[in-house]
Each structure stands twice: as C-alpha cells, then as structure tokens.
C-alpha cells in the first residue's frame, strides 16, 4: 500500500493494482489573513462561502422569518455595527460577549458550550471596528442582537465553499 497527499487536500492511495483518490477534510491549519466581507454580496474566505444581505424590517414578518432562518446564518442589527466587517481566524486572547451572556474568552466559551474539537478548529470570527460580532457558526454577539427597535438586519450566512469557487 502506497499513500501520499496532493495539494488541495487530495489523498492518493495505491493498493493491489487499484489507484484511489479521496478528498481529505479541510481544516484551518494554516494562517489566513483577515479580510473585509462584501455587504451585500459574497466573499470566499478559506473553506467558507460567505453571503450577506440587508433586510428592511418594515416590510418583513420577522417572527415568520425566524422560523426558516438557517442555523448557519446569523442576524445583526446593522445600526449597532461599527464600520466595516471583516472575517478572520481565532487568535489567543480573543474576547466577546455572546448572546445572553457576559464577556469571556472565545476559547473558554467554545469549551464551556461543549462545542466539538473539530468544529472549534473551523470556527471563524466576524468583527467590526470595535468588537467580535459573530463566532461563526456558533454564537452571535449580544451587543449587535436584533430587537423590536431594529430597522435594518444584516444577515450573514456561511457554508462550505465549492471547489470551483476556491480555485477562482
């Protein structure tokens, strides 16, 4: 049996005259630079496709929308976001105030919330000019949560990026 890895997370294995190719699971084991996201629009960051849109609450039934909102999307009160939003990987010492909680280190929060190690390694952070607004895909920041006073919602959705999108 011979096995080796190719770029892009592809593993090659040769055994008993059979050659097989498999896609290895992607992990954020390399350092990515922080990057501003397009609002509205799409941004590719690492292995994630990020899609954003602004929703006007005056013409929406928020309660009905909450029922169909994906668990890989989050809503922020756009008026409580300070400046542009960028996405980045976790760093030692990162702190935020999770929805319904108090300020704490991101790593300790993820551990206390019983987030599996595999997901903890893939977590990405969205931050404005002053604070972390979403530890994605786990918890939104309490300081940007939507309320009955919210007029414009910023929806940020993430999903694994397709191979063709990563290559472009």
C-alpha atoms as a PDB file:
ATOM      1  CA  UNK A   1       0.000   0.000   0.000  1.00  0.00           C
ATOM      2  CA  UNK A   2       1.368   3.385  -1.036  1.00  0.00           C
ATOM      3  CA  UNK A   3      -0.269   6.605   0.099  1.00  0.00           C
ATOM      4  CA  UNK A   4       0.606  10.282  -0.386  1.00  0.00           C
ATOM      5  CA  UNK A   5      -1.082  13.680  -0.341  1.00  0.00           C
ATOM      6  CA  UNK A   6      -1.545  16.129  -3.196  1.00  0.00           C
ATOM      7  CA  UNK A   7      -2.252  19.865  -2.971  1.00  0.00           C
ATOM      8  CA  UNK A   8      -5.847  20.815  -2.245  1.00  0.00           C
ATOM      9  CA  UNK A   9      -6.394  18.098   0.351  1.00  0.00           C
ATOM     10  CA  UNK A  10      -6.441  15.198  -2.117  1.00  0.00           C
ATOM     11  CA  UNK A  11      -5.063  11.873  -0.898  1.00  0.00           C
ATOM     12  CA  UNK A  12      -3.824   9.221  -3.341  1.00  0.00           C
ATOM     13  CA  UNK A  13      -3.634   5.541  -2.417  1.00  0.00           C
ATOM     14  CA  UNK A  14      -2.329   2.635  -4.473  1.00  0.00           C
ATOM     15  CA  UNK A  15      -3.127  -0.879  -3.299  1.00  0.00           C
ATOM     16  CA  UNK A  16      -3.399  -4.197  -5.199  1.00  0.00           C
ATOM     17  CA  UNK A  17      -3.392  -2.567  -8.636  1.00  0.00           C
ATOM     18  CA  UNK A  18      -6.104  -0.092  -7.578  1.00  0.00           C
ATOM     19  CA  UNK A  19      -5.465   3.648  -7.602  1.00  0.00           C
ATOM     20  CA  UNK A  20      -7.903   5.702  -5.495  1.00  0.00           C
ATOM     21  CA  UNK A  21      -8.282   9.419  -4.872  1.00  0.00           C
ATOM     22  CA  UNK A  22     -10.080  10.844  -1.847  1.00  0.00           C
ATOM     23  CA  UNK A  23     -10.795  14.397  -0.677  1.00  0.00           C
ATOM     24  CA  UNK A  24      -9.451  14.912   2.833  1.00  0.00           C
ATOM     25  CA  UNK A  25     -11.484  17.001   5.285  1.00  0.00           C
ATOM     26  CA  UNK A  26     -10.371  20.617   5.251  1.00  0.00           C
ATOM     27  CA  UNK A  27      -9.260  22.243   8.453  1.00  0.00           C
ATOM     28  CA  UNK A  28      -7.971  25.709   9.191  1.00  0.00           C
ATOM     29  CA  UNK A  29      -4.456  24.517   9.935  1.00  0.00           C
ATOM     30  CA  UNK A  30      -2.848  27.351   8.012  1.00  0.00           C
ATOM     31  CA  UNK A  31      -2.853  31.059   8.739  1.00  0.00           C
ATOM     32  CA  UNK A  32      -5.313  33.142   6.729  1.00  0.00           C
ATOM     33  CA  UNK A  33      -5.189  36.915   6.587  1.00  0.00           C
ATOM     34  CA  UNK A  34      -8.211  38.812   7.812  1.00  0.00           C
ATOM     35  CA  UNK A  35     -10.445  40.023   5.021  1.00  0.00           C
ATOM     36  CA  UNK A  36     -13.284  42.542   4.710  1.00  0.00           C
ATOM     37  CA  UNK A  37     -16.558  40.997   3.589  1.00  0.00           C
ATOM     38  CA  UNK A  38     -18.801  42.320   0.831  1.00  0.00           C
ATOM     39  CA  UNK A  39     -22.079  43.789   2.120  1.00  0.00           C
ATOM     40  CA  UNK A  40     -24.307  42.942   0.375  1.00  0.00           C
ATOM     41  CA  UNK A  41     -22.721  40.170  -1.662  1.00  0.00           C
ATOM     42  CA  UNK A  42     -20.463  37.153  -1.456  1.00  0.00           C
ATOM     43  CA  UNK A  43     -16.964  36.607  -0.112  1.00  0.00           C
ATOM     44  CA  UNK A  44     -14.816  33.466  -0.163  1.00  0.00           C
ATOM     45  CA  UNK A  45     -12.660  33.032   2.942  1.00  0.00           C
ATOM     46  CA  UNK A  46     -10.654  29.853   3.447  1.00  0.00           C
ATOM     47  CA  UNK A  47     -13.090  26.981   3.013  1.00  0.00           C
ATOM     48  CA  UNK A  48     -16.174  29.164   3.549  1.00  0.00           C
ATOM     49  CA  UNK A  49     -18.552  30.956   1.207  1.00  0.00           C
ATOM     50  CA  UNK A  50     -19.969  33.994   2.999  1.00  0.00           C
ATOM     51  CA  UNK A  51     -23.185  35.581   1.734  1.00  0.00           C
ATOM     52  CA  UNK A  52     -24.585  38.817   3.150  1.00  0.00           C
ATOM     53  CA  UNK A  53     -27.743  40.822   2.612  1.00  0.00           C
ATOM     54  CA  UNK A  54     -29.543  43.671   4.325  1.00  0.00           C
ATOM     55  CA  UNK A  55     -33.170  43.113   5.319  1.00  0.00           C
ATOM     56  CA  UNK A  56     -35.559  46.024   5.927  1.00  0.00           C
ATOM     57  CA  UNK A  57     -37.723  45.063   8.916  1.00  0.00           C
ATOM     58  CA  UNK A  58     -40.573  47.422   7.976  1.00  0.00           C
ATOM     59  CA  UNK A  59     -41.631  45.101   5.155  1.00  0.00           C
ATOM     60  CA  UNK A  60     -40.866  41.735   6.789  1.00  0.00           C
ATOM     61  CA  UNK A  61     -42.618  39.383   9.186  1.00  0.00           C
ATOM     62  CA  UNK A  62     -39.626  38.782  11.494  1.00  0.00           C
ATOM     63  CA  UNK A  63     -41.299  36.029  13.514  1.00  0.00           C
ATOM     64  CA  UNK A  64     -42.082  34.074  10.348  1.00  0.00           C
ATOM     65  CA  UNK A  65     -38.530  34.598   9.056  1.00  0.00           C
ATOM     66  CA  UNK A  66     -37.041  33.346  12.351  1.00  0.00           C
ATOM     67  CA  UNK A  67     -38.779  30.009  11.790  1.00  0.00           C
ATOM     68  CA  UNK A  68     -36.989  29.426   8.468  1.00  0.00           C
ATOM     69  CA  UNK A  69     -33.606  31.010   9.290  1.00  0.00           C
ATOM     70  CA  UNK A  70     -30.726  28.617   8.742  1.00  0.00           C
ATOM     71  CA  UNK A  71     -28.515  27.634  11.692  1.00  0.00           C
ATOM     72  CA  UNK A  72     -25.524  28.683   9.553  1.00  0.00           C
ATOM     73  CA  UNK A  73     -26.843  32.235   9.245  1.00  0.00           C
ATOM     74  CA  UNK A  74     -26.948  34.992  11.804  1.00  0.00           C
ATOM     75  CA  UNK A  75     -28.718  38.342  12.061  1.00  0.00           C
ATOM     76  CA  UNK A  76     -27.163  41.542  13.364  1.00  0.00           C
ATOM     77  CA  UNK A  77     -28.761  44.927  13.981  1.00  0.00           C
ATOM     78  CA  UNK A  78     -26.989  46.920  11.274  1.00  0.00           C
ATOM     79  CA  UNK A  79     -27.243  50.165  13.269  1.00  0.00           C
ATOM     80  CA  UNK A  80     -25.175  48.561  16.070  1.00  0.00           C
ATOM     81  CA  UNK A  81     -22.326  47.502  13.758  1.00  0.00           C
ATOM     82  CA  UNK A  82     -19.343  49.893  13.879  1.00  0.00           C
ATOM     83  CA  UNK A  83     -17.799  50.372  10.443  1.00  0.00           C
ATOM     84  CA  UNK A  84     -16.869  47.574   8.057  1.00  0.00           C
ATOM     85  CA  UNK A  85     -16.963  43.891   8.978  1.00  0.00           C
ATOM     86  CA  UNK A  86     -14.023  41.589   8.439  1.00  0.00           C
ATOM     87  CA  UNK A  87     -13.623  37.848   8.846  1.00  0.00           C
ATOM     88  CA  UNK A  88     -10.604  36.157  10.397  1.00  0.00           C
ATOM     89  CA  UNK A  89      -9.389  33.115  12.267  1.00  0.00           C
ATOM     90  CA  UNK A  90      -9.325  32.899  16.061  1.00  0.00           C
ATOM     91  CA  UNK A  91      -6.353  34.275  17.978  1.00  0.00           C
ATOM     92  CA  UNK A  92      -5.211  33.698  21.543  1.00  0.00           C
ATOM     93  CA  UNK A  93      -6.921  36.147  23.873  1.00  0.00           C
ATOM     94  CA  UNK A  94      -9.962  36.879  21.650  1.00  0.00           C
ATOM     95  CA  UNK A  95     -12.907  38.024  23.772  1.00  0.00           C
ATOM     96  CA  UNK A  96     -16.570  38.666  23.046  1.00  0.00           C
ATOM     97  CA  UNK A  97     -19.964  38.960  24.699  1.00  0.00           C
ATOM     98  CA  UNK A  98     -22.125  36.045  23.485  1.00  0.00           C
ATOM     99  CA  UNK A  99     -25.886  36.482  23.125  1.00  0.00           C
ATOM    100  CA  UNK A 100     -27.395  36.093  26.579  1.00  0.00           C
ATOM    101  CA  UNK A 101     -24.025  36.091  28.312  1.00  0.00           C
ATOM    102  CA  UNK A 102     -21.127  38.134  29.659  1.00  0.00           C
ATOM    103  CA  UNK A 103     -17.692  38.947  28.212  1.00  0.00           C
ATOM    104  CA  UNK A 104     -15.431  35.920  28.002  1.00  0.00           C
ATOM    105  CA  UNK A 105     -12.575  34.438  26.022  1.00  0.00           C
ATOM    106  CA  UNK A 106     -13.725  32.795  22.811  1.00  0.00           C
ATOM    107  CA  UNK A 107     -11.786  29.583  23.538  1.00  0.00           C
ATOM    108  CA  UNK A 108     -13.288  29.222  27.013  1.00  0.00           C
ATOM    109  CA  UNK A 109     -16.763  29.944  25.649  1.00  0.00           C
ATOM    110  CA  UNK A 110     -16.419  27.217  22.992  1.00  0.00           C
ATOM    111  CA  UNK A 111     -15.211  24.713  25.585  1.00  0.00           C
ATOM    112  CA  UNK A 112     -17.953  25.597  28.092  1.00  0.00           C
ATOM    113  CA  UNK A 113     -20.595  25.362  25.347  1.00  0.00           C
ATOM    114  CA  UNK A 114     -19.405  21.781  24.627  1.00  0.00           C
ATOM    115  CA  UNK A 115     -18.524  22.584  21.018  1.00  0.00           C
ATOM    116  CA  UNK A 116     -16.738  19.556  19.494  1.00  0.00           C
ATOM    117  CA  UNK A 117     -12.992  19.990  18.859  1.00  0.00           C
ATOM    118  CA  UNK A 118     -13.430  19.526  15.111  1.00  0.00           C
ATOM    119  CA  UNK A 119     -15.856  22.481  14.930  1.00  0.00           C
ATOM    120  CA  UNK A 120     -13.730  24.607  17.292  1.00  0.00           C
ATOM    121  CA  UNK A 121     -10.838  24.365  14.819  1.00  0.00           C
ATOM    122  CA  UNK A 122     -13.094  25.549  11.965  1.00  0.00           C
ATOM    123  CA  UNK A 123     -14.688  28.491  13.788  1.00  0.00           C
ATOM    124  CA  UNK A 124     -14.198  31.853  12.107  1.00  0.00           C
ATOM    125  CA  UNK A 125     -14.756  35.281  13.631  1.00  0.00           C
ATOM    126  CA  UNK A 126     -16.618  38.235  12.194  1.00  0.00           C
ATOM    127  CA  UNK A 127     -15.694  41.565  13.755  1.00  0.00           C
ATOM    128  CA  UNK A 128     -16.478  45.210  13.204  1.00  0.00           C
ATOM    129  CA  UNK A 129     -14.090  48.036  14.068  1.00  0.00           C
ATOM    130  CA  UNK A 130     -14.630  47.567  17.845  1.00  0.00           C
ATOM    131  CA  UNK A 131     -15.781  44.027  18.665  1.00  0.00           C
ATOM    132  CA  UNK A 132     -16.339  40.443  17.579  1.00  0.00           C
ATOM    133  CA  UNK A 133     -19.920  40.302  16.295  1.00  0.00           C
ATOM    134  CA  UNK A 134     -20.200  36.581  15.488  1.00  0.00           C
ATOM    135  CA  UNK A 135     -18.242  33.487  16.453  1.00  0.00           C
ATOM    136  CA  UNK A 136     -19.392  31.534  13.421  1.00  0.00           C
ATOM    137  CA  UNK A 137     -21.232  29.276  13.217  1.00  0.00           C
ATOM    138  CA  UNK A 138     -21.771  29.117  16.982  1.00  0.00           C
ATOM    139  CA  UNK A 139     -22.986  32.353  18.649  1.00  0.00           C
ATOM    140  CA  UNK A 140     -23.742  35.967  17.795  1.00  0.00           C
ATOM    141  CA  UNK A 141     -22.601  38.879  19.952  1.00  0.00           C
ATOM    142  CA  UNK A 142     -25.064  40.250  22.497  1.00  0.00           C
ATOM    143  CA  UNK A 143     -24.173  43.860  21.537  1.00  0.00           C
ATOM    144  CA  UNK A 144     -25.498  43.520  17.964  1.00  0.00           C
ATOM    145  CA  UNK A 145     -28.581  41.372  18.590  1.00  0.00           C
ATOM    146  CA  UNK A 146     -31.817  42.341  16.902  1.00  0.00           C
ATOM    147  CA  UNK A 147     -34.600  43.854  18.993  1.00  0.00           C
ATOM    148  CA  UNK A 148     -38.020  45.377  18.388  1.00  0.00           C
ATOM    149  CA  UNK A 149     -36.163  48.650  17.653  1.00  0.00           C
ATOM    150  CA  UNK A 150     -34.130  47.115  14.806  1.00  0.00           C
ATOM    151  CA  UNK A 151     -34.869  48.674  11.419  1.00  0.00           C
ATOM    152  CA  UNK A 152     -32.211  47.010   9.234  1.00  0.00           C
ATOM    153  CA  UNK A 153     -30.911  43.483   9.735  1.00  0.00           C
ATOM    154  CA  UNK A 154     -27.571  42.376   8.372  1.00  0.00           C
ATOM    155  CA  UNK A 155     -27.826  38.679   7.538  1.00  0.00           C
ATOM    156  CA  UNK A 156     -24.517  36.816   7.301  1.00  0.00           C
ATOM    157  CA  UNK A 157     -24.698  33.219   6.080  1.00  0.00           C
ATOM    158  CA  UNK A 158     -21.811  30.774   5.743  1.00  0.00           C
ATOM    159  CA  UNK A 159     -21.469  27.430   4.010  1.00  0.00           C
ATOM    160  CA  UNK A 160     -18.529  25.331   2.831  1.00  0.00           C
ATOM    161  CA  UNK A 161     -17.230  26.789  -0.431  1.00  0.00           C
ATOM    162  CA  UNK A 162     -17.338  24.633  -3.548  1.00  0.00           C
ATOM    163  CA  UNK A 163     -14.045  23.551  -5.093  1.00  0.00           C
ATOM    164  CA  UNK A 164     -14.656  25.608  -8.256  1.00  0.00           C
ATOM    165  CA  UNK A 165     -15.190  28.739  -6.170  1.00  0.00           C
ATOM    166  CA  UNK A 166     -11.975  28.149  -4.208  1.00  0.00           C
ATOM    167  CA  UNK A 167      -9.975  27.851  -7.400  1.00  0.00           C
ATOM    168  CA  UNK A 168     -11.096  31.232  -8.739  1.00  0.00           C
END
